[in-house]
C-alpha atoms as a PDB file:
ATOM      1  CA  MET A   1      -2.226  16.381 -20.105  1.00  0.00           C
ATOM      2  CA  LEU A   2      -2.063  13.393 -17.785  1.00  0.00           C
ATOM      3  CA  ASN A   3      -1.921  13.961 -14.031  1.00  0.00           C
ATOM      4  CA  VAL A   4       0.287  11.649 -11.986  1.00  0.00           C
ATOM      5  CA  ALA A   5       0.416  11.603  -8.169  1.00  0.00           C
ATOM      6  CA  ILE A   6       3.321   9.963  -6.341  1.00  0.00           C
ATOM      7  CA  ASP A   7       3.741   8.756  -2.752  1.00  0.00           C
ATOM      8  CA  ASP A   8       7.294   7.464  -2.306  1.00  0.00           C
ATOM      9  CA  SER A   9       9.893   8.627   0.212  1.00  0.00           C
ATOM     10  CA  ASP A  10      12.859   7.624  -1.985  1.00  0.00           C
ATOM     11  CA  SER A  11      13.542  10.878  -3.860  1.00  0.00           C
ATOM     12  CA  LEU A  12      16.047   9.291  -6.238  1.00  0.00           C
ATOM     13  CA  TYR A  13      13.634   6.550  -7.255  1.00  0.00           C
ATOM     14  CA  ARG A  14      10.788   9.058  -7.454  1.00  0.00           C
ATOM     15  CA  ASN A  15      12.748  11.269  -9.849  1.00  0.00           C
ATOM     16  CA  GLY A  16      13.637   8.242 -11.965  1.00  0.00           C
ATOM     17  CA  MET A  17       9.981   7.192 -12.080  1.00  0.00           C
ATOM     18  CA  GLU A  18       8.971  10.672 -13.236  1.00  0.00           C
ATOM     19  CA  ILE A  19      11.461  10.535 -16.112  1.00  0.00           C
ATOM     20  CA  PHE A  20      10.344   6.995 -16.975  1.00  0.00           C
ATOM     21  CA  LEU A  21       6.619   7.878 -17.063  1.00  0.00           C
ATOM     22  CA  GLU A  22       7.147  11.133 -18.904  1.00  0.00           C
ATOM     23  CA  GLU A  23       9.034   9.313 -21.666  1.00  0.00           C
ATOM     24  CA  LEU A  24       6.555   6.421 -21.726  1.00  0.00           C
ATOM     25  CA  PHE A  25       3.395   8.529 -22.084  1.00  0.00           C
ATOM     26  CA  LEU A  26       4.930  10.897 -24.616  1.00  0.00           C
ATOM     27  CA  LYS A  27       5.898   7.915 -26.755  1.00  0.00           C
ATOM     28  CA  GLU A  28       2.817   5.722 -26.237  1.00  0.00           C
ATOM     29  CA  GLN A  29       0.051   8.327 -25.922  1.00  0.00           C
ATOM     30  CA  ASP A  30       1.595  11.553 -27.192  1.00  0.00           C
ATOM     31  CA  GLU A  31       0.576  13.050 -23.847  1.00  0.00           C
ATOM     32  CA  SER A  32       2.550  15.376 -21.597  1.00  0.00           C
ATOM     33  CA  VAL A  33       2.599  14.571 -17.878  1.00  0.00           C
ATOM     34  CA  GLN A  34       2.217  16.667 -14.750  1.00  0.00           C
ATOM     35  CA  PHE A  35       3.507  15.297 -11.431  1.00  0.00           C
ATOM     36  CA  ASN A  36       2.267  16.027  -7.913  1.00  0.00           C
ATOM     37  CA  LYS A  37       2.553  14.523  -4.458  1.00  0.00           C
ATOM     38  CA  LEU A  38      -0.290  12.120  -3.687  1.00  0.00           C
ATOM     39  CA  THR A  39      -2.895  13.688  -1.371  1.00  0.00           C
ATOM     40  CA  LYS A  40      -6.461  12.925  -0.316  1.00  0.00           C
ATOM     41  CA  LEU A  41      -7.664  15.723  -2.566  1.00  0.00           C
ATOM     42  CA  ASN A  42      -5.972  14.724  -5.805  1.00  0.00           C
ATOM     43  CA  ALA A  43      -6.234  10.944  -5.293  1.00  0.00           C
ATOM     44  CA  THR A  44      -9.814  11.013  -6.563  1.00  0.00           C
ATOM     45  CA  GLN A  45      -9.040  12.661  -9.889  1.00  0.00           C
ATOM     46  CA  VAL A  46      -5.505  11.881 -11.094  1.00  0.00           C
ATOM     47  CA  ASP A  47      -4.900   9.543 -14.032  1.00  0.00           C
ATOM     48  CA  VAL A  48      -2.005   7.597 -12.521  1.00  0.00           C
ATOM     49  CA  ILE A  49      -1.098   6.936  -8.876  1.00  0.00           C
ATOM     50  CA  ILE A  50       2.339   5.722  -7.792  1.00  0.00           C
ATOM     51  CA  LYS A  51       2.394   4.423  -4.210  1.00  0.00           C
ATOM     52  CA  SER A  52       5.036   2.528  -2.281  1.00  0.00           C
ATOM     53  CA  PHE A  53       3.944  -0.599  -0.380  1.00  0.00           C
ATOM     54  CA  VAL A  54       5.746  -2.139   2.586  1.00  0.00           C
ATOM     55  CA  PRO A  55       5.265  -5.905   3.125  1.00  0.00           C
ATOM     56  CA  GLY A  56       1.740  -6.548   4.394  1.00  0.00           C
ATOM     57  CA  ALA A  57       0.254  -3.255   3.169  1.00  0.00           C
ATOM     58  CA  GLU A  58      -1.362  -5.040   0.231  1.00  0.00           C
ATOM     59  CA  TYR A  59      -3.821  -6.668   2.675  1.00  0.00           C
ATOM     60  CA  ILE A  60      -5.144  -3.533   4.381  1.00  0.00           C
ATOM     61  CA  CYS A  61      -7.622  -0.798   3.486  1.00  0.00           C
ATOM     62  CA  GLN A  62      -6.059   2.165   1.664  1.00  0.00           C
ATOM     63  CA  PRO A  63      -8.221   5.140   2.766  1.00  0.00           C
ATOM     64  CA  ILE A  64      -6.523   7.598   0.429  1.00  0.00           C
ATOM     65  CA  LEU A  65      -7.539   5.450  -2.552  1.00  0.00           C
ATOM     66  CA  LYS A  66     -11.032   4.240  -1.702  1.00  0.00           C
ATOM     67  CA  TYR A  67     -12.884   7.353  -2.914  1.00  0.00           C
ATOM     68  CA  ARG A  68     -11.362   7.379  -6.386  1.00  0.00           C
ATOM     69  CA  SER A  69     -13.945   8.308  -8.989  1.00  0.00           C
ATOM     70  CA  LYS A  70     -11.784   8.475 -12.126  1.00  0.00           C
ATOM     71  CA  PRO A  71     -10.593   5.260 -13.806  1.00  0.00           C
ATOM     72  CA  GLY A  72      -6.852   5.119 -14.259  1.00  0.00           C
ATOM     73  CA  VAL A  73      -3.803   3.180 -13.189  1.00  0.00           C
ATOM     74  CA  ILE A  74      -2.430   2.513  -9.715  1.00  0.00           C
ATOM     75  CA  ILE A  75       1.214   1.415  -9.622  1.00  0.00           C
ATOM     76  CA  GLY A  76       2.388  -0.165  -6.374  1.00  0.00           C
ATOM     77  CA  ILE A  77       6.135  -0.073  -5.730  1.00  0.00           C
ATOM     78  CA  TYR A  78       7.570  -2.779  -3.483  1.00  0.00           C
ATOM     79  CA  ASP A  79      11.021  -3.951  -2.315  1.00  0.00           C
ATOM     80  CA  SER A  80      10.386  -7.455  -1.022  1.00  0.00           C
ATOM     81  CA  GLU A  81      11.301 -10.615  -2.921  1.00  0.00           C
ATOM     82  CA  LYS A  82       7.755 -11.822  -2.223  1.00  0.00           C
ATOM     83  CA  SER A  83       5.163 -10.814  -4.789  1.00  0.00           C
ATOM     84  CA  PRO A  84       2.375  -8.696  -3.204  1.00  0.00           C
ATOM     85  CA  TYR A  85      -0.258 -10.123  -5.544  1.00  0.00           C
ATOM     86  CA  HIS A  86      -2.867 -12.349  -3.889  1.00  0.00           C
ATOM     87  CA  ASP A  87      -6.480 -13.379  -4.495  1.00  0.00           C
ATOM     88  CA  GLU A  88      -8.069 -11.058  -1.935  1.00  0.00           C
ATOM     89  CA  LEU A  89      -6.655  -7.631  -2.719  1.00  0.00           C
ATOM     90  CA  PRO A  90      -8.768  -4.832  -1.194  1.00  0.00           C
ATOM     91  CA  LEU A  91     -11.232  -3.309  -3.660  1.00  0.00           C
ATOM     92  CA  CYS A  92      -9.397   0.029  -3.674  1.00  0.00           C
ATOM     93  CA  ILE A  93      -6.334  -1.667  -5.236  1.00  0.00           C
ATOM     94  CA  LYS A  94      -8.081  -4.528  -7.040  1.00  0.00           C
ATOM     95  CA  ASN A  95      -6.573  -3.608 -10.419  1.00  0.00           C
ATOM     96  CA  ILE A  96      -3.181  -2.450  -9.161  1.00  0.00           C
ATOM     97  CA  VAL A  97       0.059  -3.037 -11.071  1.00  0.00           C
ATOM     98  CA  PHE A  98       2.851  -3.999  -8.696  1.00  0.00           C
ATOM     99  CA  ILE A  99       6.400  -3.198  -9.782  1.00  0.00           C
ATOM    100  CA  ASN A 100       9.468  -4.269  -7.848  1.00  0.00           C
ATOM    101  CA  ARG A 101      11.865  -1.416  -7.155  1.00  0.00           C
ATOM    102  CA  SER A 102      14.590  -3.385  -8.981  1.00  0.00           C
ATOM    103  CA  GLU A 103      12.356  -4.290 -11.950  1.00  0.00           C
ATOM    104  CA  PRO A 104      14.055  -4.021 -15.381  1.00  0.00           C
ATOM    105  CA  LEU A 105      12.812  -0.976 -17.299  1.00  0.00           C
ATOM    106  CA  ASP A 106      11.537  -3.041 -20.221  1.00  0.00           C
ATOM    107  CA  THR A 107       9.382  -5.179 -17.918  1.00  0.00           C
ATOM    108  CA  ALA A 108       8.051  -2.147 -16.040  1.00  0.00           C
ATOM    109  CA  ARG A 109       7.283  -0.370 -19.314  1.00  0.00           C
ATOM    110  CA  GLU A 110       5.330  -3.350 -20.614  1.00  0.00           C
ATOM    111  CA  GLN A 111       3.303  -3.657 -17.390  1.00  0.00           C
ATOM    112  CA  VAL A 112       2.408   0.033 -17.199  1.00  0.00           C
ATOM    113  CA  THR A 113       1.581   0.274 -20.909  1.00  0.00           C
ATOM    114  CA  GLN A 114      -0.715  -2.750 -20.736  1.00  0.00           C
ATOM    115  CA  ALA A 115      -2.458  -1.468 -17.597  1.00  0.00           C
ATOM    116  CA  TRP A 116      -3.006   1.951 -19.163  1.00  0.00           C
ATOM    117  CA  LYS A 117      -4.474   0.460 -22.339  1.00  0.00           C
ATOM    118  CA  GLN A 118      -6.881  -1.636 -20.267  1.00  0.00           C
ATOM    119  CA  SER A 119      -7.994   1.375 -18.231  1.00  0.00           C
ATOM    120  CA  VAL A 120      -8.667   3.357 -21.413  1.00  0.00           C
ATOM    121  CA  GLU A 121     -10.462   0.527 -23.197  1.00  0.00           C
ATOM    122  CA  ASN A 122     -12.469  -0.595 -20.158  1.00  0.00           C
ATOM    123  CA  PRO A 123     -13.210   2.428 -17.940  1.00  0.00           C
ATOM    124  CA  ASP A 124     -15.366   0.387 -15.542  1.00  0.00           C
ATOM    125  CA  THR A 125     -17.112   1.863 -12.541  1.00  0.00           C
ATOM    126  CA  LEU A 126     -14.722   1.669  -9.637  1.00  0.00           C
ATOM    127  CA  PRO A 127     -15.757  -0.698  -6.818  1.00  0.00           C
ATOM    128  CA  CYS A 128     -13.744   1.146  -4.170  1.00  0.00           C
ATOM    129  CA  LYS A 129     -16.631   2.545  -2.133  1.00  0.00           C
ATOM    130  CA  LYS A 130     -18.217  -0.848  -1.501  1.00  0.00           C
ATOM    131  CA  CYS A 131     -16.261  -1.341   1.700  1.00  0.00           C
ATOM    132  CA  LEU A 132     -18.720  -3.782   3.266  1.00  0.00           C
ATOM    133  CA  LYS A 133     -17.964  -6.227   0.454  1.00  0.00           C
ATOM    134  CA  CYS A 134     -14.203  -5.721   0.691  1.00  0.00           C
ATOM    135  CA  LYS A 135     -11.945  -8.470   2.035  1.00  0.00           C
ATOM    136  CA  TYR A 136      -9.294  -6.182   3.496  1.00  0.00           C
ATOM    137  CA  ARG A 137      -7.640  -7.377   6.699  1.00  0.00           C
ATOM    138  CA  SER A 138      -7.194  -5.532   9.973  1.00  0.00           C
ATOM    139  CA  LEU A 139      -5.878  -6.023  13.488  1.00  0.00           C
ATOM    140  CA  THR A 140      -8.166  -7.031  16.332  1.00  0.00           C
ATOM    141  CA  PRO A 141      -8.425  -4.586  19.273  1.00  0.00           C
ATOM    142  CA  GLN A 142      -6.108  -6.823  21.341  1.00  0.00           C
ATOM    143  CA  GLN A 143      -3.584  -7.031  18.502  1.00  0.00           C
ATOM    144  CA  MET A 144      -3.763  -3.268  18.055  1.00  0.00           C
ATOM    145  CA  THR A 145      -2.951  -2.756  21.729  1.00  0.00           C
ATOM    146  CA  ILE A 146      -0.011  -5.145  21.514  1.00  0.00           C
ATOM    147  CA  ALA A 147       1.138  -3.385  18.329  1.00  0.00           C
ATOM    148  CA  LYS A 148       1.098  -0.045  20.142  1.00  0.00           C
ATOM    149  CA  TYR A 149       3.417  -1.387  22.837  1.00  0.00           C
ATOM    150  CA  MET A 150       5.664  -3.037  20.268  1.00  0.00           C
ATOM    151  CA  LEU A 151       6.102   0.283  18.477  1.00  0.00           C
ATOM    152  CA  GLN A 152       7.142   1.811  21.792  1.00  0.00           C
ATOM    153  CA  GLY A 153      10.060  -0.637  21.882  1.00  0.00           C
ATOM    154  CA  ASN A 154       8.701  -3.196  24.352  1.00  0.00           C
ATOM    155  CA  ASP A 155       9.434  -6.924  23.976  1.00  0.00           C
ATOM    156  CA  ILE A 156       6.764  -9.582  24.494  1.00  0.00           C
ATOM    157  CA  ILE A 157       7.742 -10.135  28.148  1.00  0.00           C
ATOM    158  CA  LYS A 158       7.322  -6.440  28.977  1.00  0.00           C
ATOM    159  CA  ILE A 159       4.065  -6.269  27.021  1.00  0.00           C
ATOM    160  CA  ALA A 160       2.690  -9.263  28.905  1.00  0.00           C
ATOM    161  CA  LYS A 161       3.449  -7.522  32.210  1.00  0.00           C
ATOM    162  CA  LEU A 162       1.915  -4.241  31.061  1.00  0.00           C
ATOM    163  CA  LEU A 163      -1.274  -5.973  29.914  1.00  0.00           C
ATOM    164  CA  GLU A 164      -1.272  -8.490  32.777  1.00  0.00           C
ATOM    165  CA  ILE A 165      -1.594 -11.445  30.415  1.00  0.00           C
ATOM    166  CA  ASN A 166       0.462 -14.547  29.704  1.00  0.00           C
ATOM    167  CA  VAL A 167       3.644 -14.191  27.637  1.00  0.00           C
ATOM    168  CA  LYS A 168       2.403 -17.067  25.454  1.00  0.00           C
ATOM    169  CA  THR A 169      -0.739 -15.063  24.683  1.00  0.00           C
ATOM    170  CA  VAL A 170       1.289 -12.080  23.495  1.00  0.00           C
ATOM    171  CA  SER A 171       3.532 -14.376  21.465  1.00  0.00           C
ATOM    172  CA  ALA A 172       0.505 -16.040  19.878  1.00  0.00           C
ATOM    173  CA  HIS A 173      -0.977 -12.667  18.876  1.00  0.00           C
ATOM    174  CA  LYS A 174       2.354 -11.659  17.373  1.00  0.00           C
ATOM    175  CA  ARG A 175       2.471 -14.854  15.285  1.00  0.00           C
ATOM    176  CA  LEU A 176      -1.137 -14.308  14.178  1.00  0.00           C
ATOM    177  CA  MET A 177      -0.331 -10.761  13.055  1.00  0.00           C
ATOM    178  CA  MET A 178       2.633 -11.987  11.032  1.00  0.00           C
ATOM    179  CA  SER A 179       0.610 -14.789   9.484  1.00  0.00           C
ATOM    180  CA  LYS A 180      -2.378 -12.553   8.681  1.00  0.00           C
ATOM    181  CA  PHE A 181      -0.215 -10.137   6.693  1.00  0.00           C
ATOM    182  CA  ASN A 182       2.292 -12.664   5.325  1.00  0.00           C
ATOM    183  CA  LEU A 183       5.242 -11.163   7.215  1.00  0.00           C
ATOM    184  CA  SER A 184       8.481 -13.103   7.553  1.00  0.00           C
ATOM    185  CA  SER A 185      10.467 -11.275  10.238  1.00  0.00           C
ATOM    186  CA  ASP A 186      10.266  -8.893  13.192  1.00  0.00           C
ATOM    187  CA  TYR A 187      11.694  -6.205  10.900  1.00  0.00           C
ATOM    188  CA  GLU A 188       8.841  -6.633   8.421  1.00  0.00           C
ATOM    189  CA  LEU A 189       6.306  -6.624  11.260  1.00  0.00           C
ATOM    190  CA  LEU A 190       7.607  -3.377  12.768  1.00  0.00           C
ATOM    191  CA  HIS A 191       7.891  -1.768   9.332  1.00  0.00           C
ATOM    192  CA  PHE A 192       4.299  -2.792   8.598  1.00  0.00           C
ATOM    193  CA  LEU A 193       3.012  -1.479  11.947  1.00  0.00           C
ATOM    194  CA  ASN A 194       4.826   1.835  11.495  1.00  0.00           C
ATOM    195  CA  ASN A 195       3.250   2.160   8.066  1.00  0.00           C
ATOM    196  CA  LEU A 196      -0.170   1.278   9.490  1.00  0.00           C
ATOM    197  CA  LYS A 197       0.204   3.931  12.163  1.00  0.00           C
ATOM    198  CA  LYS A 198       1.292   6.538   9.620  1.00  0.00           C
ATOM    199  CA  HIS A 199      -1.182   5.903   6.827  1.00  0.00           C
ATOM    200  CA  ASN A 200      -4.185   4.131   8.307  1.00  0.00           C
ATOM    201  CA  PRO A 201      -4.280   5.036  12.009  1.00  0.00           C
ATOM    202  CA  PRO A 202      -6.994   3.870  14.399  1.00  0.00           C
ATOM    203  CA  VAL A 203      -6.216   6.944  16.490  1.00  0.00           C
ATOM    204  CA  HIS A 204      -7.767   5.842  19.770  1.00  0.00           C
ATOM    205  CA  LEU A 205      -5.554   2.755  19.911  1.00  0.00           C
ATOM    206  CA  PHE A 206      -2.305   4.182  18.582  1.00  0.00           C
ATOM    207  CA  MET A 207      -2.263   7.257  20.798  1.00  0.00           C
ATOM    208  CA  ASP A 208       0.573   7.311  23.343  1.00  0.00           C
END
């Protein structure tokens, strides 16, 4: 039996993905499938991980994934029109398969099937724990502080006053954050920061 762990807040899509994977693995591998919610405990041992990615999340460390010890397939679900693939994916998602939420079933089936075959044929040692060699991106302490105030609903003028710095400095940090994580709008930036706070929190800087 194959174990699949899912982290996606869209229950309708999640249920559809379960049906899709159950049918795929029964047909391709003659294997039944068991589904669970993705947790720190099961992330190290499941065969397949399904995880949603907001824009920018493909550049950051994924703590829940970096201690994986069992080769398998990670499927990243994304909504954006921009492809999340880039040359410096963090080691914990180096071999990820990204699938757009609106991907045709035939295309998704082909991608997942190919990724599974590769994981079975080449069960390489996972590089996830080699964090010092990883090229994941992060916010600077100043950017983290600005991010905290942004998530509290403050605009750049208010943030500049709170931090007693120039408005242009705050604006420059905001542009750098958007550029660093390939974000195109304030909506994407706030969505990214909310995700960062939820899944990868530097607690001392995000505390209210």
